[in-house]
PDB file of N, CA and C in Angstrom:
ATOM      1  N   MET A   1      46.628  13.784  10.716  1.00  0.00           N
ATOM      2  CA  MET A   1      46.100  12.451  10.866  1.00  0.00           C
ATOM      3  C   MET A   1      46.385  11.682   9.586  1.00  0.00           C
ATOM      4  N   SER A   2      46.572  10.408   9.719  1.00  0.00           N
ATOM      5  CA  SER A   2      46.822   9.597   8.535  1.00  0.00           C
ATOM      6  C   SER A   2      46.050   8.296   8.625  1.00  0.00           C
ATOM      7  N   SER A   3      45.914   7.647   7.494  1.00  0.00           N
ATOM      8  CA  SER A   3      45.196   6.374   7.439  1.00  0.00           C
ATOM      9  C   SER A   3      46.146   5.248   7.809  1.00  0.00           C
ATOM     10  N   THR A   4      46.429   5.085   9.083  1.00  0.00           N
ATOM     11  CA  THR A   4      47.397   4.089   9.520  1.00  0.00           C
ATOM     12  C   THR A   4      46.789   2.707   9.686  1.00  0.00           C
ATOM     13  N   ASN A   5      45.459   2.606   9.726  1.00  0.00           N
ATOM     14  CA  ASN A   5      44.844   1.301   9.926  1.00  0.00           C
ATOM     15  C   ASN A   5      44.153   0.814   8.651  1.00  0.00           C
ATOM     16  N   ASN A   6      44.702   1.159   7.494  1.00  0.00           N
ATOM     17  CA  ASN A   6      44.268   0.676   6.189  1.00  0.00           C
ATOM     18  C   ASN A   6      42.798   0.929   5.894  1.00  0.00           C
ATOM     19  N   ILE A   7      42.250   1.993   6.386  1.00  0.00           N
ATOM     20  CA  ILE A   7      40.883   2.387   6.055  1.00  0.00           C
ATOM     21  C   ILE A   7      40.966   3.232   4.787  1.00  0.00           C
ATOM     22  N   GLN A   8      40.144   2.886   3.815  1.00  0.00           N
ATOM     23  CA  GLN A   8      40.147   3.617   2.551  1.00  0.00           C
ATOM     24  C   GLN A   8      39.241   4.841   2.663  1.00  0.00           C
ATOM     25  N   ALA A   9      39.815   6.017   2.478  1.00  0.00           N
ATOM     26  CA  ALA A   9      39.040   7.251   2.551  1.00  0.00           C
ATOM     27  C   ALA A   9      38.230   7.432   1.265  1.00  0.00           C
ATOM     28  N   ASP A  10      37.011   7.918   1.422  1.00  0.00           N
ATOM     29  CA  ASP A  10      36.174   8.247   0.280  1.00  0.00           C
ATOM     30  C   ASP A  10      36.476   9.653  -0.228  1.00  0.00           C
ATOM     31  N   HIS A  11      37.012  10.483   0.652  1.00  0.00           N
ATOM     32  CA  HIS A  11      37.331  11.878   0.304  1.00  0.00           C
ATOM     33  C   HIS A  11      38.553  12.305   1.114  1.00  0.00           C
ATOM     34  N   ILE A  12      39.483  12.995   0.481  1.00  0.00           N
ATOM     35  CA  ILE A  12      40.660  13.514   1.177  1.00  0.00           C
ATOM     36  C   ILE A  12      40.571  15.032   1.189  1.00  0.00           C
ATOM     37  N   LEU A  13      40.711  15.613   2.371  1.00  0.00           N
ATOM     38  CA  LEU A  13      40.619  17.052   2.548  1.00  0.00           C
ATOM     39  C   LEU A  13      41.982  17.588   2.984  1.00  0.00           C
ATOM     40  N   ASP A  14      42.549  18.472   2.189  1.00  0.00           N
ATOM     41  CA  ASP A  14      43.861  19.058   2.478  1.00  0.00           C
ATOM     42  C   ASP A  14      43.684  20.318   3.315  1.00  0.00           C
ATOM     43  N   CYS A  15      44.065  20.232   4.589  1.00  0.00           N
ATOM     44  CA  CYS A  15      44.019  21.385   5.496  1.00  0.00           C
ATOM     45  C   CYS A  15      45.422  21.750   5.970  1.00  0.00           C
ATOM     46  N   LYS A  16      46.432  21.281   5.235  1.00  0.00           N
ATOM     47  CA  LYS A  16      47.814  21.564   5.629  1.00  0.00           C
ATOM     48  C   LYS A  16      48.071  23.071   5.573  1.00  0.00           C
ATOM     49  N   GLY A  17      48.739  23.570   6.591  1.00  0.00           N
ATOM     50  CA  GLY A  17      49.085  24.986   6.651  1.00  0.00           C
ATOM     51  C   GLY A  17      48.007  25.852   7.280  1.00  0.00           C
ATOM     52  N   LEU A  18      46.862  25.278   7.600  1.00  0.00           N
ATOM     53  CA  LEU A  18      45.779  26.046   8.215  1.00  0.00           C
ATOM     54  C   LEU A  18      45.849  25.940   9.732  1.00  0.00           C
ATOM     55  N   ALA A  19      45.553  27.043  10.411  1.00  0.00           N
ATOM     56  CA  ALA A  19      45.560  27.070  11.876  1.00  0.00           C
ATOM     57  C   ALA A  19      44.135  26.915  12.391  1.00  0.00           C
ATOM     58  N   CYS A  20      44.032  26.458  13.626  1.00  0.00           N
ATOM     59  CA  CYS A  20      42.752  26.296  14.301  1.00  0.00           C
ATOM     60  C   CYS A  20      41.984  27.619  14.249  1.00  0.00           C
ATOM     61  N   PRO A  21      40.734  27.584  13.974  1.00  0.00           N
ATOM     62  CA  PRO A  21      39.819  26.460  13.854  1.00  0.00           C
ATOM     63  C   PRO A  21      39.540  26.036  12.407  1.00  0.00           C
ATOM     64  N   MET A  22      40.322  26.527  11.451  1.00  0.00           N
ATOM     65  CA  MET A  22      40.001  26.301  10.040  1.00  0.00           C
ATOM     66  C   MET A  22      39.943  24.829   9.623  1.00  0.00           C
ATOM     67  N   PRO A  23      40.837  23.944  10.106  1.00  0.00           N
ATOM     68  CA  PRO A  23      40.686  22.540   9.708  1.00  0.00           C
ATOM     69  C   PRO A  23      39.324  21.952  10.116  1.00  0.00           C
ATOM     70  N   ILE A  24      38.844  22.303  11.289  1.00  0.00           N
ATOM     71  CA  ILE A  24      37.538  21.818  11.744  1.00  0.00           C
ATOM     72  C   ILE A  24      36.432  22.437  10.896  1.00  0.00           C
ATOM     73  N   VAL A  25      36.520  23.724  10.631  1.00  0.00           N
ATOM     74  CA  VAL A  25      35.503  24.419   9.833  1.00  0.00           C
ATOM     75  C   VAL A  25      35.415  23.808   8.440  1.00  0.00           C
ATOM     76  N   LYS A  26      36.570  23.604   7.801  1.00  0.00           N
ATOM     77  CA  LYS A  26      36.583  23.032   6.455  1.00  0.00           C
ATOM     78  C   LYS A  26      36.081  21.586   6.463  1.00  0.00           C
ATOM     79  N   THR A  27      36.415  20.836   7.507  1.00  0.00           N
ATOM     80  CA  THR A  27      35.968  19.454   7.609  1.00  0.00           C
ATOM     81  C   THR A  27      34.459  19.388   7.778  1.00  0.00           C
ATOM     82  N   LYS A  28      33.916  20.228   8.648  1.00  0.00           N
ATOM     83  CA  LYS A  28      32.467  20.244   8.854  1.00  0.00           C
ATOM     84  C   LYS A  28      31.752  20.551   7.548  1.00  0.00           C
ATOM     85  N   LYS A  29      32.247  21.520   6.802  1.00  0.00           N
ATOM     86  CA  LYS A  29      31.634  21.882   5.521  1.00  0.00           C
ATOM     87  C   LYS A  29      31.712  20.711   4.536  1.00  0.00           C
ATOM     88  N   ALA A  30      32.872  20.067   4.451  1.00  0.00           N
ATOM     89  CA  ALA A  30      33.043  18.934   3.534  1.00  0.00           C
ATOM     90  C   ALA A  30      32.153  17.760   3.935  1.00  0.00           C
ATOM     91  N   MET A  31      32.006  17.532   5.230  1.00  0.00           N
ATOM     92  CA  MET A  31      31.192  16.414   5.704  1.00  0.00           C
ATOM     93  C   MET A  31      29.709  16.627   5.407  1.00  0.00           C
ATOM     94  N   ASN A  32      29.280  17.873   5.323  1.00  0.00           N
ATOM     95  CA  ASN A  32      27.885  18.156   4.994  1.00  0.00           C
ATOM     96  C   ASN A  32      27.542  17.685   3.582  1.00  0.00           C
ATOM     97  N   GLU A  33      28.562  17.494   2.754  1.00  0.00           N
ATOM     98  CA  GLU A  33      28.352  17.064   1.372  1.00  0.00           C
ATOM     99  C   GLU A  33      28.530  15.557   1.197  1.00  0.00           C
ATOM    100  N   LEU A  34      28.935  14.860   2.257  1.00  0.00           N
ATOM    101  CA  LEU A  34      29.138  13.417   2.177  1.00  0.00           C
ATOM    102  C   LEU A  34      27.882  12.656   2.594  1.00  0.00           C
ATOM    103  N   VAL A  35      27.714  11.486   2.023  1.00  0.00           N
ATOM    104  CA  VAL A  35      26.644  10.582   2.416  1.00  0.00           C
ATOM    105  C   VAL A  35      27.051   9.950   3.750  1.00  0.00           C
ATOM    106  N   PRO A  36      26.105   9.810   4.697  1.00  0.00           N
ATOM    107  CA  PRO A  36      26.445   9.165   5.966  1.00  0.00           C
ATOM    108  C   PRO A  36      27.104   7.797   5.745  1.00  0.00           C
ATOM    109  N   GLY A  37      28.127   7.525   6.539  1.00  0.00           N
ATOM    110  CA  GLY A  37      28.863   6.269   6.429  1.00  0.00           C
ATOM    111  C   GLY A  37      30.127   6.371   5.600  1.00  0.00           C
ATOM    112  N   LYS A  38      30.285   7.460   4.850  1.00  0.00           N
ATOM    113  CA  LYS A  38      31.498   7.651   4.053  1.00  0.00           C
ATOM    114  C   LYS A  38      32.632   8.116   4.964  1.00  0.00           C
ATOM    115  N   ILE A  39      33.854   7.930   4.492  1.00  0.00           N
ATOM    116  CA  ILE A  39      35.038   8.246   5.291  1.00  0.00           C
ATOM    117  C   ILE A  39      35.786   9.409   4.663  1.00  0.00           C
ATOM    118  N   ILE A  40      36.112  10.391   5.507  1.00  0.00           N
ATOM    119  CA  ILE A  40      36.898  11.533   5.059  1.00  0.00           C
ATOM    120  C   ILE A  40      38.248  11.497   5.762  1.00  0.00           C
ATOM    121  N   GLU A  41      39.305  11.699   4.999  1.00  0.00           N
ATOM    122  CA  GLU A  41      40.659  11.797   5.561  1.00  0.00           C
ATOM    123  C   GLU A  41      41.041  13.263   5.535  1.00  0.00           C
ATOM    124  N   VAL A  42      41.419  13.787   6.687  1.00  0.00           N
ATOM    125  CA  VAL A  42      41.832  15.181   6.791  1.00  0.00           C
ATOM    126  C   VAL A  42      43.335  15.216   6.992  1.00  0.00           C
ATOM    127  N   GLN A  43      44.013  15.931   6.131  1.00  0.00           N
ATOM    128  CA  GLN A  43      45.459  16.092   6.245  1.00  0.00           C
ATOM    129  C   GLN A  43      45.714  17.497   6.797  1.00  0.00           C
ATOM    130  N   ALA A  44      46.238  17.551   8.029  1.00  0.00           N
ATOM    131  CA  ALA A  44      46.456  18.833   8.703  1.00  0.00           C
ATOM    132  C   ALA A  44      47.843  18.867   9.335  1.00  0.00           C
ATOM    133  N   THR A  45      48.416  20.068   9.382  1.00  0.00           N
ATOM    134  CA  THR A  45      49.751  20.235   9.964  1.00  0.00           C
ATOM    135  C   THR A  45      49.717  20.984  11.298  1.00  0.00           C
ATOM    136  N   ASP A  46      48.593  21.583  11.647  1.00  0.00           N
ATOM    137  CA  ASP A  46      48.483  22.317  12.904  1.00  0.00           C
ATOM    138  C   ASP A  46      48.671  21.349  14.071  1.00  0.00           C
ATOM    139  N   LYS A  47      49.580  21.671  14.977  1.00  0.00           N
ATOM    140  CA  LYS A  47      49.920  20.765  16.075  1.00  0.00           C
ATOM    141  C   LYS A  47      48.715  20.393  16.941  1.00  0.00           C
ATOM    142  N   GLY A  48      47.764  21.288  17.076  1.00  0.00           N
ATOM    143  CA  GLY A  48      46.601  21.027  17.908  1.00  0.00           C
ATOM    144  C   GLY A  48      45.480  20.286  17.195  1.00  0.00           C
ATOM    145  N   SER A  49      45.649  20.014  15.910  1.00  0.00           N
ATOM    146  CA  SER A  49      44.570  19.411  15.130  1.00  0.00           C
ATOM    147  C   SER A  49      44.113  18.056  15.648  1.00  0.00           C
ATOM    148  N   LEU A  50      45.030  17.197  16.021  1.00  0.00           N
ATOM    149  CA  LEU A  50      44.648  15.863  16.473  1.00  0.00           C
ATOM    150  C   LEU A  50      43.716  15.949  17.681  1.00  0.00           C
ATOM    151  N   ALA A  51      44.104  16.707  18.681  1.00  0.00           N
ATOM    152  CA  ALA A  51      43.266  16.864  19.872  1.00  0.00           C
ATOM    153  C   ALA A  51      41.955  17.565  19.523  1.00  0.00           C
ATOM    154  N   ASP A  52      42.023  18.566  18.648  1.00  0.00           N
ATOM    155  CA  ASP A  52      40.814  19.279  18.234  1.00  0.00           C
ATOM    156  C   ASP A  52      39.829  18.331  17.557  1.00  0.00           C
ATOM    157  N   PHE A  53      40.333  17.502  16.641  1.00  0.00           N
ATOM    158  CA  PHE A  53      39.459  16.586  15.919  1.00  0.00           C
ATOM    159  C   PHE A  53      38.892  15.503  16.837  1.00  0.00           C
ATOM    160  N   GLN A  54      39.697  15.008  17.754  1.00  0.00           N
ATOM    161  CA  GLN A  54      39.201  13.992  18.680  1.00  0.00           C
ATOM    162  C   GLN A  54      38.068  14.558  19.522  1.00  0.00           C
ATOM    163  N   SER A  55      38.237  15.749  20.032  1.00  0.00           N
ATOM    164  CA  SER A  55      37.225  16.395  20.848  1.00  0.00           C
ATOM    165  C   SER A  55      35.975  16.704  20.025  1.00  0.00           C
ATOM    166  N   TRP A  56      36.168  17.249  18.837  1.00  0.00           N
ATOM    167  CA  TRP A  56      35.050  17.593  17.964  1.00  0.00           C
ATOM    168  C   TRP A  56      34.255  16.345  17.576  1.00  0.00           C
ATOM    169  N   ALA A  57      34.962  15.268  17.213  1.00  0.00           N
ATOM    170  CA  ALA A  57      34.284  14.043  16.820  1.00  0.00           C
ATOM    171  C   ALA A  57      33.461  13.465  17.973  1.00  0.00           C
ATOM    172  N   LYS A  58      34.029  13.487  19.162  1.00  0.00           N
ATOM    173  CA  LYS A  58      33.311  12.981  20.344  1.00  0.00           C
ATOM    174  C   LYS A  58      32.062  13.812  20.617  1.00  0.00           C
ATOM    175  N   ASN A  59      32.187  15.113  20.505  1.00  0.00           N
ATOM    176  CA  ASN A  59      31.062  16.013  20.792  1.00  0.00           C
ATOM    177  C   ASN A  59      29.981  15.993  19.722  1.00  0.00           C
ATOM    178  N   THR A  60      30.319  15.576  18.516  1.00  0.00           N
ATOM    179  CA  THR A  60      29.352  15.590  17.418  1.00  0.00           C
ATOM    180  C   THR A  60      28.862  14.199  17.036  1.00  0.00           C
ATOM    181  N   GLY A  61      29.408  13.165  17.681  1.00  0.00           N
ATOM    182  CA  GLY A  61      28.962  11.814  17.420  1.00  0.00           C
ATOM    183  C   GLY A  61      29.608  11.143  16.214  1.00  0.00           C
ATOM    184  N   HIS A  62      30.696  11.723  15.714  1.00  0.00           N
ATOM    185  CA  HIS A  62      31.426  11.113  14.594  1.00  0.00           C
ATOM    186  C   HIS A  62      32.547  10.233  15.128  1.00  0.00           C
ATOM    187  N   GLN A  63      32.974   9.287  14.293  1.00  0.00           N
ATOM    188  CA  GLN A  63      34.094   8.420  14.675  1.00  0.00           C
ATOM    189  C   GLN A  63      35.336   8.882  13.969  1.00  0.00           C
TER     190      GLN A  63
END
């Protein structure tokens, strides 16, 4: 995923090279340390990551 709509990330999480479910696991852990309303950018190379993150965000109430 990338910041294509000029949203400034408050935190960048490098998950490149990790396979499912590790990008989601690492993101959940990192988000627990963020203040609500902050933006995290996750950089992942796993082909299924985009669909995984979309589904996870919908199920957890994140945007």
